[in-house]
Structure formats: structure tokens, C-alpha cells
N, C-alpha and C. Protein backbone atom coordinates (compact mmCIF):
# COMPACT_ATOMS: atom_id res chain seq x y z
N SER A 1 0.59 -128.59 -58.10
CA SER A 1 1.01 -127.83 -59.28
C SER A 1 0.69 -128.63 -60.54
N ASP A 2 0.36 -127.95 -61.60
CA ASP A 2 0.08 -128.64 -62.86
C ASP A 2 1.35 -129.18 -63.50
N ARG A 3 2.50 -128.89 -62.92
CA ARG A 3 3.77 -129.46 -63.42
C ARG A 3 4.04 -130.86 -62.88
N MET A 4 3.28 -131.29 -61.90
CA MET A 4 3.45 -132.61 -61.32
C MET A 4 2.74 -133.67 -62.18
N ASP A 5 3.21 -134.93 -62.10
CA ASP A 5 2.56 -136.02 -62.84
C ASP A 5 1.12 -136.22 -62.38
N ILE A 6 0.89 -136.09 -61.09
CA ILE A 6 -0.45 -136.16 -60.53
C ILE A 6 -0.68 -134.86 -59.77
N ALA A 7 -1.71 -134.13 -60.15
CA ALA A 7 -2.01 -132.85 -59.52
C ALA A 7 -3.38 -132.91 -58.86
N LEU A 8 -3.44 -132.56 -57.60
CA LEU A 8 -4.71 -132.48 -56.88
C LEU A 8 -5.13 -131.02 -56.87
N THR A 9 -5.58 -130.54 -58.00
CA THR A 9 -5.94 -129.14 -58.16
C THR A 9 -7.12 -128.77 -57.27
N GLY A 10 -7.04 -127.60 -56.72
CA GLY A 10 -8.12 -127.11 -55.86
C GLY A 10 -8.08 -127.65 -54.45
N GLU A 11 -7.10 -128.46 -54.11
CA GLU A 11 -6.99 -129.02 -52.76
C GLU A 11 -5.92 -128.23 -52.01
N ALA A 12 -6.36 -127.22 -51.26
CA ALA A 12 -5.46 -126.29 -50.58
C ALA A 12 -4.60 -126.95 -49.51
N SER A 13 -4.99 -128.12 -49.01
CA SER A 13 -4.23 -128.78 -47.94
C SER A 13 -3.03 -129.56 -48.47
N VAL A 14 -2.85 -129.60 -49.78
CA VAL A 14 -1.75 -130.36 -50.40
C VAL A 14 -0.68 -129.40 -50.88
N SER A 15 0.60 -129.73 -50.62
CA SER A 15 1.70 -128.92 -51.11
C SER A 15 1.64 -128.87 -52.63
N ARG A 16 2.04 -127.77 -53.17
CA ARG A 16 1.97 -127.59 -54.63
C ARG A 16 2.97 -128.46 -55.36
N GLU A 17 4.09 -128.77 -54.76
CA GLU A 17 5.14 -129.52 -55.44
C GLU A 17 5.65 -130.67 -54.56
N LYS A 18 5.64 -131.86 -55.09
CA LYS A 18 6.26 -133.04 -54.49
C LYS A 18 5.89 -133.28 -53.02
N HIS A 19 4.61 -133.28 -52.74
CA HIS A 19 4.15 -133.61 -51.39
C HIS A 19 4.52 -135.05 -51.06
N ALA A 20 4.37 -135.93 -52.07
CA ALA A 20 4.72 -137.35 -51.93
C ALA A 20 5.17 -137.85 -53.30
N ILE A 21 5.93 -138.94 -53.31
CA ILE A 21 6.44 -139.51 -54.56
C ILE A 21 6.03 -140.97 -54.62
N ILE A 22 5.48 -141.39 -55.77
CA ILE A 22 5.15 -142.79 -56.03
C ILE A 22 6.07 -143.26 -57.15
N VAL A 23 6.73 -144.39 -56.94
CA VAL A 23 7.71 -144.92 -57.88
C VAL A 23 7.32 -146.34 -58.25
N PHE A 24 7.45 -146.68 -59.54
CA PHE A 24 7.27 -148.06 -59.99
C PHE A 24 8.64 -148.68 -60.15
N GLU A 25 8.88 -149.84 -59.52
CA GLU A 25 10.14 -150.56 -59.63
C GLU A 25 9.89 -151.75 -60.55
N PRO A 26 10.35 -151.67 -61.82
CA PRO A 26 9.97 -152.69 -62.81
C PRO A 26 10.57 -154.08 -62.60
N LYS A 27 11.74 -154.20 -62.01
CA LYS A 27 12.34 -155.52 -61.84
C LYS A 27 11.53 -156.40 -60.89
N ARG A 28 10.94 -155.79 -59.89
CA ARG A 28 10.11 -156.54 -58.94
C ARG A 28 8.62 -156.29 -59.16
N CYS A 29 8.30 -155.47 -60.15
CA CYS A 29 6.92 -155.12 -60.47
C CYS A 29 6.18 -154.67 -59.21
N MET A 30 6.74 -153.65 -58.55
CA MET A 30 6.14 -153.15 -57.33
C MET A 30 6.17 -151.63 -57.30
N PHE A 31 5.28 -151.06 -56.53
CA PHE A 31 5.19 -149.62 -56.35
C PHE A 31 5.67 -149.25 -54.96
N LEU A 32 6.33 -148.11 -54.87
CA LEU A 32 6.82 -147.59 -53.60
C LEU A 32 6.30 -146.18 -53.40
N ALA A 33 6.01 -145.84 -52.17
CA ALA A 33 5.65 -144.47 -51.80
C ALA A 33 6.77 -143.94 -50.92
N GLN A 34 7.10 -142.67 -51.10
CA GLN A 34 8.13 -142.07 -50.27
C GLN A 34 7.83 -140.59 -50.08
N PRO A 35 8.39 -139.99 -49.03
CA PRO A 35 8.16 -138.57 -48.82
C PRO A 35 8.72 -137.77 -49.99
N GLY A 36 8.06 -136.67 -50.29
CA GLY A 36 8.55 -135.77 -51.33
C GLY A 36 9.46 -134.71 -50.72
N ASP A 37 9.59 -133.61 -51.42
CA ASP A 37 10.43 -132.51 -50.94
C ASP A 37 9.68 -131.56 -50.02
N SER A 38 8.40 -131.77 -49.85
CA SER A 38 7.56 -130.91 -49.02
C SER A 38 7.88 -131.11 -47.55
N LYS A 39 7.63 -130.10 -46.76
CA LYS A 39 7.77 -130.24 -45.30
C LYS A 39 6.53 -130.89 -44.69
N GLU A 40 5.49 -131.05 -45.51
CA GLU A 40 4.25 -131.66 -45.04
C GLU A 40 4.36 -133.19 -45.03
N LEU A 41 3.64 -133.81 -44.13
CA LEU A 41 3.63 -135.27 -44.02
C LEU A 41 2.55 -135.87 -44.92
N PHE A 42 2.72 -137.15 -45.25
CA PHE A 42 1.62 -137.89 -45.85
C PHE A 42 1.57 -139.27 -45.21
N TYR A 43 0.43 -139.93 -45.37
CA TYR A 43 0.16 -141.15 -44.62
C TYR A 43 -0.25 -142.29 -45.54
N LEU A 44 0.14 -143.49 -45.18
CA LEU A 44 -0.26 -144.70 -45.86
C LEU A 44 -1.02 -145.54 -44.84
N ASN A 45 -2.31 -145.76 -45.09
CA ASN A 45 -3.16 -146.51 -44.16
C ASN A 45 -3.04 -145.97 -42.73
N ASP A 46 -3.10 -144.65 -42.61
CA ASP A 46 -3.05 -143.92 -41.33
C ASP A 46 -1.71 -143.96 -40.62
N GLU A 47 -0.66 -144.44 -41.28
CA GLU A 47 0.69 -144.42 -40.71
C GLU A 47 1.53 -143.41 -41.48
N VAL A 48 2.26 -142.56 -40.78
CA VAL A 48 3.09 -141.56 -41.44
C VAL A 48 4.18 -142.25 -42.28
N VAL A 49 4.46 -141.72 -43.45
CA VAL A 49 5.49 -142.26 -44.33
C VAL A 49 6.73 -141.38 -44.20
N LEU A 50 7.80 -141.95 -43.65
CA LEU A 50 9.05 -141.22 -43.45
C LEU A 50 10.18 -141.75 -44.32
N SER A 51 9.99 -142.95 -44.89
CA SER A 51 10.98 -143.56 -45.78
C SER A 51 10.20 -144.40 -46.80
N PRO A 52 10.87 -144.84 -47.88
CA PRO A 52 10.15 -145.61 -48.90
C PRO A 52 9.46 -146.84 -48.31
N ILE A 53 8.22 -147.07 -48.78
CA ILE A 53 7.43 -148.21 -48.31
C ILE A 53 6.65 -148.76 -49.49
N GLN A 54 6.52 -150.08 -49.54
CA GLN A 54 5.81 -150.72 -50.65
C GLN A 54 4.31 -150.47 -50.56
N LEU A 55 3.72 -150.17 -51.72
CA LEU A 55 2.28 -149.99 -51.82
C LEU A 55 1.61 -151.29 -52.23
N LYS A 56 0.44 -151.52 -51.72
CA LYS A 56 -0.36 -152.68 -52.08
C LYS A 56 -1.72 -152.20 -52.60
N LYS A 57 -2.36 -153.03 -53.43
CA LYS A 57 -3.66 -152.69 -53.98
C LYS A 57 -4.63 -152.29 -52.87
N ASN A 58 -5.35 -151.21 -53.10
CA ASN A 58 -6.36 -150.66 -52.19
C ASN A 58 -5.80 -149.98 -50.96
N ASP A 59 -4.48 -149.76 -50.88
CA ASP A 59 -3.93 -148.96 -49.80
C ASP A 59 -4.51 -147.56 -49.87
N LEU A 60 -4.63 -146.92 -48.72
CA LEU A 60 -5.14 -145.56 -48.66
C LEU A 60 -3.99 -144.59 -48.39
N LEU A 61 -3.86 -143.61 -49.26
CA LEU A 61 -2.84 -142.58 -49.12
C LEU A 61 -3.54 -141.28 -48.72
N GLN A 62 -3.09 -140.66 -47.65
CA GLN A 62 -3.64 -139.37 -47.27
C GLN A 62 -2.60 -138.31 -47.52
N VAL A 63 -2.96 -137.38 -48.41
CA VAL A 63 -2.09 -136.26 -48.77
C VAL A 63 -2.87 -135.00 -48.39
N GLY A 64 -2.38 -134.27 -47.40
CA GLY A 64 -3.18 -133.17 -46.87
C GLY A 64 -4.47 -133.75 -46.33
N GLU A 65 -5.59 -133.20 -46.74
CA GLU A 65 -6.89 -133.73 -46.31
C GLU A 65 -7.48 -134.70 -47.33
N ALA A 66 -6.83 -134.86 -48.48
CA ALA A 66 -7.32 -135.76 -49.53
C ALA A 66 -6.91 -137.20 -49.22
N VAL A 67 -7.86 -138.12 -49.34
CA VAL A 67 -7.59 -139.55 -49.15
C VAL A 67 -7.79 -140.22 -50.51
N LEU A 68 -6.76 -140.92 -50.96
CA LEU A 68 -6.76 -141.57 -52.27
C LEU A 68 -6.56 -143.06 -52.10
N MET A 69 -7.24 -143.86 -52.91
CA MET A 69 -7.04 -145.31 -52.88
C MET A 69 -6.08 -145.67 -54.01
N PHE A 70 -5.07 -146.49 -53.71
CA PHE A 70 -4.09 -146.91 -54.70
C PHE A 70 -4.63 -148.11 -55.47
N ILE A 71 -4.79 -147.94 -56.77
CA ILE A 71 -5.23 -149.01 -57.67
C ILE A 71 -4.14 -149.16 -58.73
N PRO A 72 -3.29 -150.18 -58.64
CA PRO A 72 -2.19 -150.33 -59.60
C PRO A 72 -2.70 -150.73 -60.98
N CYS A 73 -2.04 -150.23 -62.00
CA CYS A 73 -2.39 -150.57 -63.39
C CYS A 73 -1.54 -151.73 -63.91
N CYS A 74 -0.69 -152.28 -63.07
CA CYS A 74 0.06 -153.48 -63.42
C CYS A 74 0.40 -154.22 -62.13
N ASP A 75 0.64 -155.53 -62.28
CA ASP A 75 0.97 -156.37 -61.14
C ASP A 75 1.67 -157.62 -61.65
N ASP A 76 1.71 -158.67 -60.86
CA ASP A 76 2.38 -159.91 -61.28
C ASP A 76 1.72 -160.53 -62.51
N ALA A 77 0.43 -160.30 -62.70
CA ALA A 77 -0.30 -160.89 -63.82
C ALA A 77 -0.22 -160.05 -65.09
N PHE A 78 0.02 -158.74 -64.96
CA PHE A 78 0.08 -157.87 -66.13
C PHE A 78 1.09 -156.76 -65.89
N ASN A 79 1.89 -156.48 -66.90
CA ASN A 79 2.92 -155.46 -66.84
C ASN A 79 2.99 -154.80 -68.21
N TRP A 80 2.93 -153.48 -68.28
CA TRP A 80 2.90 -152.78 -69.57
C TRP A 80 4.14 -153.09 -70.40
N GLU A 81 5.30 -153.17 -69.78
CA GLU A 81 6.54 -153.43 -70.52
C GLU A 81 6.51 -154.82 -71.15
N THR A 82 6.09 -155.82 -70.41
CA THR A 82 5.98 -157.18 -70.92
C THR A 82 4.95 -157.23 -72.06
N GLU A 83 3.83 -156.56 -71.88
CA GLU A 83 2.78 -156.53 -72.90
C GLU A 83 3.30 -155.92 -74.21
N GLN A 84 4.04 -154.83 -74.13
CA GLN A 84 4.58 -154.19 -75.33
C GLN A 84 5.59 -155.09 -76.02
N ASN A 85 6.43 -155.78 -75.27
CA ASN A 85 7.42 -156.68 -75.85
C ASN A 85 6.75 -157.87 -76.56
N GLU A 86 5.65 -158.38 -76.01
CA GLU A 86 4.96 -159.51 -76.60
C GLU A 86 4.24 -159.12 -77.88
N GLN A 87 3.87 -157.86 -78.04
CA GLN A 87 3.17 -157.41 -79.22
C GLN A 87 4.11 -157.19 -80.41
N LYS A 88 5.40 -157.13 -80.16
CA LYS A 88 6.37 -156.88 -81.23
C LYS A 88 6.62 -158.10 -82.07
């Protein structure tokens, strides 16, 4: 759905709403993947995700038939929140 933060438009194998959820945890500067509200499954590196699991750079997420590579925009070396605070 175009109401989602990330929309895989035109991919009929993906649930329209909340197939999977990706969360950034700022205190530990880590990303988590967890099941969404959909009845459909999704996979991390070919393993089904049934509860929150930490994402690592270049992990493969399969949502429906779409396979996506996780490329984080922040990590231990760079964090948007820290960067904004340093610029003030």
C-alpha cells in the first residue's frame, strides 16, 4: 500500500499492509525485523521470521516473491541523531 513507509508497488505476492516491520533501536544503534500484521510469512536469509530478530548489513529479506538486501544507513560509525547533535 502507498500508506506504508516502504511500498513494493506492483508486487502482487506482497501483502498490501504490514507484511513485515523493520524497526531502528537507537540506544543500541541496531535494526530489527519482525512479523507484521499480515498472515503471510517473510524470511531473513531463508529462515522464517516469527519474532523480532536483529538485522545485519547485507542480510536478505524475502517478502512474498521479492528479495531485498538490507543496507543500513547508520551503524556504529555513523548515526543520524549523533550527526545532527554535532552540527548544532
